[in-house]
Amino acid sequence: MGAPIPEGLIPPECPPELEYLMSWFEELNAQRQGGMAGPQAIPYSEIQAWAFTTQRSLSRFETRLLVALDALLRGTLHKIKENEREST
């Protein structure tokens, strides 16, 4: 198992009003492609295909938030990986 998550990287609780978006993000994240440098970004085309397949209609705000969550997750995973390298 890896090093513990540094305190500054522990996410805050999700507001109840946005829990549905976290659920959507988890669905998208489960289908994400990986690479040697870590998880790849979820492209807009994948979000569009997921929305069509699941019959969900996303607003511009919701799409932007899913993209922002993706960037935040990838950035956090990168920082965790860096911290693990520094601690070895």
C-alpha atoms as a PDB file:
ATOM      1  CA  MET A   1       0.000   0.000   0.000  1.00  0.00           C
ATOM      2  CA  GLY A   2       1.193   3.534  -0.730  1.00  0.00           C
ATOM      3  CA  ALA A   3       2.023   6.358   1.601  1.00  0.00           C
ATOM      4  CA  PRO A   4      -0.835   8.002   3.501  1.00  0.00           C
ATOM      5  CA  ILE A   5      -2.606  10.874   1.801  1.00  0.00           C
ATOM      6  CA  PRO A   6      -1.102  14.171   2.949  1.00  0.00           C
ATOM      7  CA  GLU A   7      -3.513  16.296   4.966  1.00  0.00           C
ATOM      8  CA  GLY A   8      -3.616  19.062   2.367  1.00  0.00           C
ATOM      9  CA  LEU A   9      -4.858  16.596  -0.271  1.00  0.00           C
ATOM     10  CA  ILE A  10      -7.825  15.198   1.661  1.00  0.00           C
ATOM     11  CA  PRO A  11     -10.969  16.455  -0.094  1.00  0.00           C
ATOM     12  CA  PRO A  12     -13.773  18.230   1.744  1.00  0.00           C
ATOM     13  CA  GLU A  13     -17.201  16.651   2.085  1.00  0.00           C
ATOM     14  CA  CYS A  14     -19.396  16.910  -0.996  1.00  0.00           C
ATOM     15  CA  PRO A  15     -22.458  19.166  -0.571  1.00  0.00           C
ATOM     16  CA  PRO A  16     -25.676  17.116  -0.772  1.00  0.00           C
ATOM     17  CA  GLU A  17     -26.847  19.234  -3.730  1.00  0.00           C
ATOM     18  CA  LEU A  18     -23.896  17.986  -5.803  1.00  0.00           C
ATOM     19  CA  GLU A  19     -23.894  14.315  -4.814  1.00  0.00           C
ATOM     20  CA  TYR A  20     -25.541  13.369  -8.113  1.00  0.00           C
ATOM     21  CA  LEU A  21     -22.577  14.913  -9.963  1.00  0.00           C
ATOM     22  CA  MET A  22     -20.125  12.925  -7.866  1.00  0.00           C
ATOM     23  CA  SER A  23     -22.080   9.798  -8.763  1.00  0.00           C
ATOM     24  CA  TRP A  24     -21.894  10.723 -12.442  1.00  0.00           C
ATOM     25  CA  PHE A  25     -18.171  11.373 -12.117  1.00  0.00           C
ATOM     26  CA  GLU A  26     -17.662   7.973 -10.487  1.00  0.00           C
ATOM     27  CA  GLU A  27     -19.418   6.330 -13.446  1.00  0.00           C
ATOM     28  CA  LEU A  28     -17.186   8.189 -15.907  1.00  0.00           C
ATOM     29  CA  ASN A  29     -14.058   7.572 -13.859  1.00  0.00           C
ATOM     30  CA  ALA A  30     -14.707   3.825 -13.854  1.00  0.00           C
ATOM     31  CA  GLN A  31     -14.463   3.830 -17.669  1.00  0.00           C
ATOM     32  CA  ARG A  32     -11.333   5.985 -17.869  1.00  0.00           C
ATOM     33  CA  GLN A  33      -8.285   4.984 -19.919  1.00  0.00           C
ATOM     34  CA  GLY A  34      -4.952   4.651 -18.155  1.00  0.00           C
ATOM     35  CA  GLY A  35      -1.456   5.412 -19.331  1.00  0.00           C
ATOM     36  CA  MET A  36       2.119   5.076 -18.178  1.00  0.00           C
ATOM     37  CA  ALA A  37       1.976   8.538 -16.591  1.00  0.00           C
ATOM     38  CA  GLY A  38      -1.292   7.740 -14.804  1.00  0.00           C
ATOM     39  CA  PRO A  39      -4.939   8.119 -15.701  1.00  0.00           C
ATOM     40  CA  GLN A  40      -5.716   9.966 -18.899  1.00  0.00           C
ATOM     41  CA  ALA A  41      -8.137  12.881 -18.997  1.00  0.00           C
ATOM     42  CA  ILE A  42     -11.761  12.056 -19.723  1.00  0.00           C
ATOM     43  CA  PRO A  43     -12.368  13.723 -23.104  1.00  0.00           C
ATOM     44  CA  TYR A  44     -15.534  15.665 -23.899  1.00  0.00           C
ATOM     45  CA  SER A  45     -16.392  13.012 -26.471  1.00  0.00           C
ATOM     46  CA  GLU A  46     -16.466  10.375 -23.726  1.00  0.00           C
ATOM     47  CA  ILE A  47     -18.697  12.566 -21.552  1.00  0.00           C
ATOM     48  CA  GLN A  48     -21.005  13.072 -24.535  1.00  0.00           C
ATOM     49  CA  ALA A  49     -21.130   9.333 -25.288  1.00  0.00           C
ATOM     50  CA  TRP A  50     -21.769   8.531 -21.611  1.00  0.00           C
ATOM     51  CA  ALA A  51     -24.574  11.122 -21.413  1.00  0.00           C
ATOM     52  CA  PHE A  52     -26.190   9.714 -24.577  1.00  0.00           C
ATOM     53  CA  THR A  53     -25.898   6.106 -23.410  1.00  0.00           C
ATOM     54  CA  THR A  54     -27.270   6.839 -19.936  1.00  0.00           C
ATOM     55  CA  GLN A  55     -29.930   9.213 -21.317  1.00  0.00           C
ATOM     56  CA  ARG A  56     -28.764  12.122 -19.196  1.00  0.00           C
ATOM     57  CA  SER A  57     -28.954  15.720 -20.304  1.00  0.00           C
ATOM     58  CA  LEU A  58     -26.053  17.715 -18.929  1.00  0.00           C
ATOM     59  CA  SER A  59     -26.003  21.466 -18.572  1.00  0.00           C
ATOM     60  CA  ARG A  60     -22.910  23.448 -19.490  1.00  0.00           C
ATOM     61  CA  PHE A  61     -22.223  23.919 -15.748  1.00  0.00           C
ATOM     62  CA  GLU A  62     -22.449  20.174 -15.070  1.00  0.00           C
ATOM     63  CA  THR A  63     -20.117  19.374 -17.959  1.00  0.00           C
ATOM     64  CA  ARG A  64     -17.595  21.952 -16.774  1.00  0.00           C
ATOM     65  CA  LEU A  65     -17.790  20.581 -13.251  1.00  0.00           C
ATOM     66  CA  LEU A  66     -17.158  17.009 -14.430  1.00  0.00           C
ATOM     67  CA  VAL A  67     -14.112  18.220 -16.385  1.00  0.00           C
ATOM     68  CA  ALA A  68     -12.888  20.160 -13.330  1.00  0.00           C
ATOM     69  CA  LEU A  69     -13.348  17.106 -11.081  1.00  0.00           C
ATOM     70  CA  ASP A  70     -11.359  15.060 -13.577  1.00  0.00           C
ATOM     71  CA  ALA A  71      -8.497  17.573 -13.560  1.00  0.00           C
ATOM     72  CA  LEU A  72      -8.586  17.762  -9.761  1.00  0.00           C
ATOM     73  CA  LEU A  73      -8.440  13.978  -9.390  1.00  0.00           C
ATOM     74  CA  ARG A  74      -5.571  13.611 -11.855  1.00  0.00           C
ATOM     75  CA  GLY A  75      -3.665  16.448 -10.187  1.00  0.00           C
ATOM     76  CA  THR A  76      -4.180  14.935  -6.744  1.00  0.00           C
ATOM     77  CA  LEU A  77      -3.050  11.493  -7.905  1.00  0.00           C
ATOM     78  CA  HIS A  78       0.047  13.106  -9.427  1.00  0.00           C
ATOM     79  CA  LYS A  79       0.863  14.839  -6.113  1.00  0.00           C
ATOM     80  CA  ILE A  80       0.369  11.603  -4.183  1.00  0.00           C
ATOM     81  CA  LYS A  81       2.717   9.809  -6.584  1.00  0.00           C
ATOM     82  CA  GLU A  82       5.320  12.579  -6.147  1.00  0.00           C
ATOM     83  CA  ASN A  83       5.035  12.352  -2.345  1.00  0.00           C
ATOM     84  CA  GLU A  84       5.483   8.571  -2.482  1.00  0.00           C
ATOM     85  CA  ARG A  85       8.642   9.013  -4.585  1.00  0.00           C
ATOM     86  CA  GLU A  86      10.024  11.594  -2.170  1.00  0.00           C
ATOM     87  CA  SER A  87       9.386   9.362   0.852  1.00  0.00           C
ATOM     88  CA  THR A  88      11.323   6.416  -0.613  1.00  0.00           C
END
